[in-house]
Amino acid sequence: LSPASAALDTVNAGSTWVVIFTFYGEYGNKVIPTTASYRVDDQISNTSVIASTPITPTAYTYTLVITPVQNGIINNLNAYEPREVSVRFTYDSGSKQGIGSYVYQVKRMNYTP
């Protein structure tokens, strides 16, 4: 997967978030996965927001749409909640494997300290 930036991207709670995966092999070359799955977890509560879900990429990239409900705040005391999107895939007819992750944060709206 392509590396994520050091600063966290932020989405407002209750909004759609689109993540585009780009799959890379061990030499930095783009690959089309044989198999792939993803999951989304809240990093504060260790809650699974989206359980491991198989996907079937047909190209070097795959667009994942995270829904407004899935981007809800879990604990209303948190101003922000970091979410980790993890991807596991195989390529080269399933003989090689790649793993990657991307972290973004969900911002609670109308938060006052």
N, C-alpha and C. Protein backbone atom coordinates (compact mmCIF):
# COMPACT_ATOMS: atom_id res chain seq x y z
N LEU A 1 0.83 -1.18 0.00
CA LEU A 1 0.00 0.00 0.00
C LEU A 1 0.87 1.23 0.00
N SER A 2 0.35 2.31 -0.50
CA SER A 2 1.11 3.54 -0.49
C SER A 2 1.16 4.08 0.94
N PRO A 3 2.27 4.69 1.33
CA PRO A 3 2.40 5.17 2.71
C PRO A 3 1.48 6.33 3.00
N ALA A 4 1.00 6.39 4.25
CA ALA A 4 0.15 7.50 4.67
C ALA A 4 1.03 8.67 5.09
N SER A 5 0.46 9.86 5.06
CA SER A 5 1.21 11.04 5.48
C SER A 5 1.35 11.05 7.00
N ALA A 6 2.31 11.83 7.51
CA ALA A 6 2.56 11.90 8.94
C ALA A 6 1.40 12.56 9.68
N ALA A 7 0.79 13.59 9.11
CA ALA A 7 -0.35 14.26 9.73
C ALA A 7 -1.62 13.45 9.45
N LEU A 8 -2.49 13.40 10.45
CA LEU A 8 -3.73 12.63 10.28
C LEU A 8 -4.75 13.43 9.48
N ASP A 9 -5.34 12.79 8.50
CA ASP A 9 -6.48 13.38 7.82
C ASP A 9 -7.66 13.34 8.79
N THR A 10 -8.54 14.32 8.67
CA THR A 10 -9.68 14.44 9.59
C THR A 10 -10.97 14.45 8.81
N VAL A 11 -11.95 13.68 9.31
CA VAL A 11 -13.30 13.68 8.75
C VAL A 11 -14.26 14.04 9.88
N ASN A 12 -15.27 14.84 9.57
CA ASN A 12 -16.28 15.17 10.57
C ASN A 12 -17.14 13.95 10.84
N ALA A 13 -17.48 13.75 12.10
CA ALA A 13 -18.35 12.62 12.47
C ALA A 13 -19.63 12.69 11.66
N GLY A 14 -20.09 11.53 11.21
CA GLY A 14 -21.32 11.46 10.43
C GLY A 14 -21.15 11.79 8.96
N SER A 15 -19.89 11.84 8.50
CA SER A 15 -19.61 12.14 7.09
C SER A 15 -19.04 10.91 6.38
N THR A 16 -19.21 10.88 5.08
CA THR A 16 -18.62 9.83 4.25
C THR A 16 -17.11 10.08 4.13
N TRP A 17 -16.32 9.04 4.12
CA TRP A 17 -14.87 9.14 3.93
C TRP A 17 -14.45 8.13 2.88
N VAL A 18 -13.70 8.59 1.90
CA VAL A 18 -13.25 7.72 0.81
C VAL A 18 -11.75 7.49 0.95
N VAL A 19 -11.35 6.22 0.93
CA VAL A 19 -9.95 5.84 1.00
C VAL A 19 -9.61 5.08 -0.27
N ILE A 20 -8.56 5.50 -0.95
CA ILE A 20 -8.13 4.81 -2.17
C ILE A 20 -6.85 4.05 -1.87
N PHE A 21 -6.91 2.73 -1.98
CA PHE A 21 -5.75 1.88 -1.78
C PHE A 21 -4.99 1.77 -3.10
N THR A 22 -3.68 1.82 -3.04
CA THR A 22 -2.83 1.48 -4.18
C THR A 22 -1.94 0.34 -3.71
N PHE A 23 -1.96 -0.77 -4.41
CA PHE A 23 -1.24 -1.97 -4.00
C PHE A 23 0.13 -2.04 -4.65
N TYR A 24 1.16 -2.30 -3.82
CA TYR A 24 2.54 -2.39 -4.29
C TYR A 24 3.15 -3.72 -3.88
N GLY A 25 4.02 -4.24 -4.74
CA GLY A 25 4.77 -5.45 -4.44
C GLY A 25 6.05 -5.14 -3.70
N GLU A 26 6.86 -6.17 -3.49
CA GLU A 26 8.08 -6.03 -2.68
C GLU A 26 9.15 -5.14 -3.31
N TYR A 27 9.07 -4.88 -4.60
CA TYR A 27 10.04 -4.03 -5.27
C TYR A 27 9.48 -2.65 -5.60
N GLY A 28 8.34 -2.31 -5.01
CA GLY A 28 7.73 -1.01 -5.24
C GLY A 28 6.90 -0.94 -6.52
N ASN A 29 6.73 -2.08 -7.16
CA ASN A 29 5.93 -2.12 -8.38
C ASN A 29 4.45 -2.30 -8.03
N LYS A 30 3.58 -1.66 -8.81
CA LYS A 30 2.15 -1.82 -8.59
C LYS A 30 1.73 -3.24 -8.96
N VAL A 31 0.84 -3.81 -8.13
CA VAL A 31 0.36 -5.17 -8.38
C VAL A 31 -1.17 -5.20 -8.27
N ILE A 32 -1.76 -6.15 -8.97
CA ILE A 32 -3.19 -6.41 -8.83
C ILE A 32 -3.33 -7.60 -7.88
N PRO A 33 -3.97 -7.40 -6.73
CA PRO A 33 -4.07 -8.48 -5.75
C PRO A 33 -4.85 -9.69 -6.28
N THR A 34 -4.42 -10.86 -5.80
CA THR A 34 -5.15 -12.09 -6.05
C THR A 34 -6.33 -12.16 -5.08
N THR A 35 -6.05 -11.84 -3.80
CA THR A 35 -7.09 -11.76 -2.77
C THR A 35 -6.79 -10.52 -1.93
N ALA A 36 -7.81 -9.99 -1.27
CA ALA A 36 -7.61 -8.84 -0.40
C ALA A 36 -8.76 -8.75 0.60
N SER A 37 -8.45 -8.16 1.75
CA SER A 37 -9.48 -7.87 2.74
C SER A 37 -9.05 -6.63 3.52
N TYR A 38 -10.02 -5.97 4.12
CA TYR A 38 -9.74 -4.79 4.92
C TYR A 38 -10.58 -4.83 6.18
N ARG A 39 -10.21 -4.01 7.15
CA ARG A 39 -10.99 -3.82 8.36
C ARG A 39 -10.73 -2.40 8.84
N VAL A 40 -11.65 -1.86 9.66
CA VAL A 40 -11.48 -0.54 10.25
C VAL A 40 -11.70 -0.67 11.75
N ASP A 41 -10.74 -0.16 12.52
CA ASP A 41 -10.82 -0.25 13.98
C ASP A 41 -10.65 1.13 14.61
N ASP A 42 -11.40 1.37 15.69
CA ASP A 42 -11.21 2.56 16.49
C ASP A 42 -10.01 2.31 17.39
N GLN A 43 -9.01 3.19 17.35
CA GLN A 43 -7.77 2.95 18.09
C GLN A 43 -7.89 3.24 19.58
N ILE A 44 -8.83 4.06 20.00
CA ILE A 44 -8.96 4.36 21.43
C ILE A 44 -9.65 3.22 22.16
N SER A 45 -10.79 2.77 21.63
CA SER A 45 -11.58 1.74 22.31
C SER A 45 -11.27 0.33 21.84
N ASN A 46 -10.43 0.21 20.80
CA ASN A 46 -10.15 -1.09 20.17
C ASN A 46 -11.43 -1.76 19.66
N THR A 47 -12.40 -0.94 19.28
CA THR A 47 -13.65 -1.44 18.74
C THR A 47 -13.52 -1.65 17.24
N SER A 48 -14.03 -2.77 16.75
CA SER A 48 -14.07 -3.02 15.32
C SER A 48 -15.23 -2.22 14.73
N VAL A 49 -14.91 -1.24 13.90
CA VAL A 49 -15.93 -0.43 13.24
C VAL A 49 -16.45 -1.17 12.02
N ILE A 50 -15.54 -1.79 11.26
CA ILE A 50 -15.88 -2.66 10.14
C ILE A 50 -15.06 -3.93 10.32
N ALA A 51 -15.71 -5.06 10.48
CA ALA A 51 -15.01 -6.33 10.64
C ALA A 51 -14.27 -6.68 9.34
N SER A 52 -13.36 -7.61 9.42
CA SER A 52 -12.60 -8.03 8.24
C SER A 52 -13.56 -8.37 7.10
N THR A 53 -13.35 -7.70 5.97
CA THR A 53 -14.26 -7.80 4.83
C THR A 53 -13.47 -8.09 3.57
N PRO A 54 -13.77 -9.18 2.88
CA PRO A 54 -13.06 -9.47 1.62
C PRO A 54 -13.46 -8.49 0.52
N ILE A 55 -12.50 -8.14 -0.32
CA ILE A 55 -12.75 -7.30 -1.48
C ILE A 55 -12.09 -7.95 -2.68
N THR A 56 -12.51 -7.56 -3.87
CA THR A 56 -11.95 -8.12 -5.10
C THR A 56 -11.46 -6.99 -6.00
N PRO A 57 -10.24 -6.49 -5.74
CA PRO A 57 -9.70 -5.46 -6.62
C PRO A 57 -9.45 -6.02 -8.02
N THR A 58 -9.78 -5.23 -9.03
CA THR A 58 -9.55 -5.65 -10.42
C THR A 58 -8.49 -4.78 -11.08
N ALA A 59 -7.86 -3.92 -10.26
CA ALA A 59 -6.82 -3.03 -10.76
C ALA A 59 -5.81 -2.79 -9.65
N TYR A 60 -4.85 -1.91 -9.90
CA TYR A 60 -3.82 -1.58 -8.92
C TYR A 60 -4.38 -0.77 -7.75
N THR A 61 -5.55 -0.19 -7.95
CA THR A 61 -6.17 0.62 -6.90
C THR A 61 -7.56 0.08 -6.56
N TYR A 62 -8.02 0.43 -5.37
CA TYR A 62 -9.36 0.05 -4.94
C TYR A 62 -9.90 1.22 -4.11
N THR A 63 -11.14 1.61 -4.37
CA THR A 63 -11.77 2.71 -3.64
C THR A 63 -12.71 2.15 -2.59
N LEU A 64 -12.43 2.49 -1.34
CA LEU A 64 -13.25 2.07 -0.20
C LEU A 64 -14.05 3.27 0.27
N VAL A 65 -15.36 3.12 0.41
CA VAL A 65 -16.22 4.18 0.92
C VAL A 65 -16.64 3.80 2.34
N ILE A 66 -16.25 4.65 3.30
CA ILE A 66 -16.65 4.45 4.69
C ILE A 66 -17.85 5.35 4.93
N THR A 67 -18.94 4.77 5.40
CA THR A 67 -20.23 5.46 5.47
C THR A 67 -20.30 6.42 6.67
N PRO A 68 -21.28 7.35 6.63
CA PRO A 68 -21.47 8.25 7.76
C PRO A 68 -21.74 7.51 9.08
N VAL A 69 -22.48 6.43 9.04
CA VAL A 69 -22.75 5.66 10.27
C VAL A 69 -21.45 5.05 10.80
N GLN A 70 -20.62 4.54 9.90
CA GLN A 70 -19.35 3.94 10.32
C GLN A 70 -18.38 5.00 10.85
N ASN A 71 -18.58 6.26 10.47
CA ASN A 71 -17.75 7.36 10.97
C ASN A 71 -18.43 8.10 12.11
N GLY A 72 -19.22 7.39 12.87
CA GLY A 72 -19.83 7.98 14.06
C GLY A 72 -18.85 7.97 15.23
N ILE A 73 -19.08 8.84 16.18
CA ILE A 73 -18.26 8.88 17.39
C ILE A 73 -18.72 7.75 18.33
N ILE A 74 -17.78 7.02 18.87
CA ILE A 74 -18.09 5.91 19.77
C ILE A 74 -18.29 6.41 21.20
N ASN A 75 -17.43 7.33 21.64
CA ASN A 75 -17.52 7.87 22.99
C ASN A 75 -17.66 9.38 22.89
N ASN A 76 -18.79 9.93 23.31
CA ASN A 76 -19.07 11.36 23.16
C ASN A 76 -18.14 12.25 23.99
N LEU A 77 -17.33 11.67 24.85
CA LEU A 77 -16.36 12.46 25.61
C LEU A 77 -15.11 12.76 24.79
N ASN A 78 -14.93 12.06 23.66
CA ASN A 78 -13.75 12.26 22.82
C ASN A 78 -14.00 13.36 21.79
N ALA A 79 -13.04 14.27 21.68
CA ALA A 79 -13.12 15.30 20.64
C ALA A 79 -12.77 14.69 19.29
N TYR A 80 -11.83 13.73 19.30
CA TYR A 80 -11.38 13.04 18.09
C TYR A 80 -11.23 11.56 18.40
N GLU A 81 -11.46 10.73 17.40
CA GLU A 81 -11.22 9.29 17.53
C GLU A 81 -10.43 8.81 16.33
N PRO A 82 -9.19 8.33 16.54
CA PRO A 82 -8.41 7.81 15.42
C PRO A 82 -8.92 6.45 14.97
N ARG A 83 -9.00 6.27 13.67
CA ARG A 83 -9.44 5.01 13.08
C ARG A 83 -8.32 4.46 12.20
N GLU A 84 -8.10 3.17 12.30
CA GLU A 84 -7.08 2.52 11.48
C GLU A 84 -7.74 1.62 10.45
N VAL A 85 -7.43 1.87 9.19
CA VAL A 85 -7.88 1.02 8.09
C VAL A 85 -6.72 0.08 7.79
N SER A 86 -6.92 -1.21 7.99
CA SER A 86 -5.88 -2.22 7.74
C SER A 86 -6.25 -3.04 6.52
N VAL A 87 -5.25 -3.32 5.69
CA VAL A 87 -5.47 -4.09 4.47
C VAL A 87 -4.45 -5.22 4.40
N ARG A 88 -4.92 -6.38 4.05
CA ARG A 88 -4.06 -7.54 3.83
C ARG A 88 -4.38 -8.07 2.44
N PHE A 89 -3.33 -8.36 1.65
CA PHE A 89 -3.58 -8.84 0.30
C PHE A 89 -2.50 -9.82 -0.13
N THR A 90 -2.87 -10.66 -1.09
CA THR A 90 -1.90 -11.55 -1.72
C THR A 90 -1.80 -11.15 -3.19
N TYR A 91 -0.66 -11.50 -3.79
CA TYR A 91 -0.46 -11.22 -5.21
C TYR A 91 0.49 -12.25 -5.76
N ASP A 92 0.79 -12.14 -7.05
CA ASP A 92 1.64 -13.12 -7.73
C ASP A 92 1.03 -14.52 -7.57
N SER A 93 -0.25 -14.62 -7.96
CA SER A 93 -1.05 -15.85 -7.87
C SER A 93 -1.18 -16.35 -6.44
N GLY A 94 -1.11 -15.44 -5.47
CA GLY A 94 -1.29 -15.80 -4.08
C GLY A 94 -0.02 -16.23 -3.36
N SER A 95 1.12 -16.21 -4.04
CA SER A 95 2.36 -16.69 -3.41
C SER A 95 3.05 -15.63 -2.55
N LYS A 96 2.63 -14.36 -2.68
CA LYS A 96 3.25 -13.28 -1.91
C LYS A 96 2.16 -12.49 -1.20
N GLN A 97 2.53 -11.84 -0.10
CA GLN A 97 1.54 -11.14 0.71
C GLN A 97 2.00 -9.72 1.04
N GLY A 98 1.05 -8.82 1.13
CA GLY A 98 1.31 -7.46 1.56
C GLY A 98 0.33 -7.06 2.64
N ILE A 99 0.79 -6.19 3.53
CA ILE A 99 -0.05 -5.68 4.61
C ILE A 99 0.21 -4.19 4.72
N GLY A 100 -0.82 -3.42 4.93
CA GLY A 100 -0.65 -1.99 5.10
C GLY A 100 -1.75 -1.41 5.96
N SER A 101 -1.53 -0.19 6.40
CA SER A 101 -2.56 0.48 7.20
C SER A 101 -2.52 1.97 6.96
N TYR A 102 -3.60 2.60 7.28
CA TYR A 102 -3.78 4.04 7.13
C TYR A 102 -4.60 4.51 8.32
N VAL A 103 -4.17 5.59 8.97
CA VAL A 103 -4.90 6.10 10.13
C VAL A 103 -5.45 7.49 9.80
N TYR A 104 -6.71 7.69 10.10
CA TYR A 104 -7.35 9.00 9.99
C TYR A 104 -8.10 9.23 11.28
N GLN A 105 -8.61 10.44 11.49
CA GLN A 105 -9.35 10.70 12.72
C GLN A 105 -10.74 11.24 12.42
N VAL A 106 -11.67 10.85 13.27
CA VAL A 106 -13.05 11.31 13.20
C VAL A 106 -13.20 12.42 14.24
N LYS A 107 -13.68 13.57 13.80
CA LYS A 107 -13.84 14.73 14.68
C LYS A 107 -15.29 14.81 15.18
N ARG A 108 -15.44 14.86 16.48
CA ARG A 108 -16.78 15.04 17.06
C ARG A 108 -17.22 16.47 16.80
N MET A 109 -18.41 16.64 16.29
CA MET A 109 -18.94 17.97 15.99
C MET A 109 -19.57 18.56 17.25
N ASN A 110 -19.56 19.89 17.36
CA ASN A 110 -20.13 20.62 18.50
C ASN A 110 -19.44 20.29 19.81
N TYR A 111 -18.16 19.97 19.73
CA TYR A 111 -17.40 19.67 20.94
C TYR A 111 -16.93 20.96 21.58
N THR A 112 -17.14 21.09 22.88
CA THR A 112 -16.60 22.23 23.62
C THR A 112 -15.84 21.66 24.81
N PRO A 113 -14.62 22.11 25.02
CA PRO A 113 -13.82 21.58 26.14
C PRO A 113 -14.37 21.97 27.50
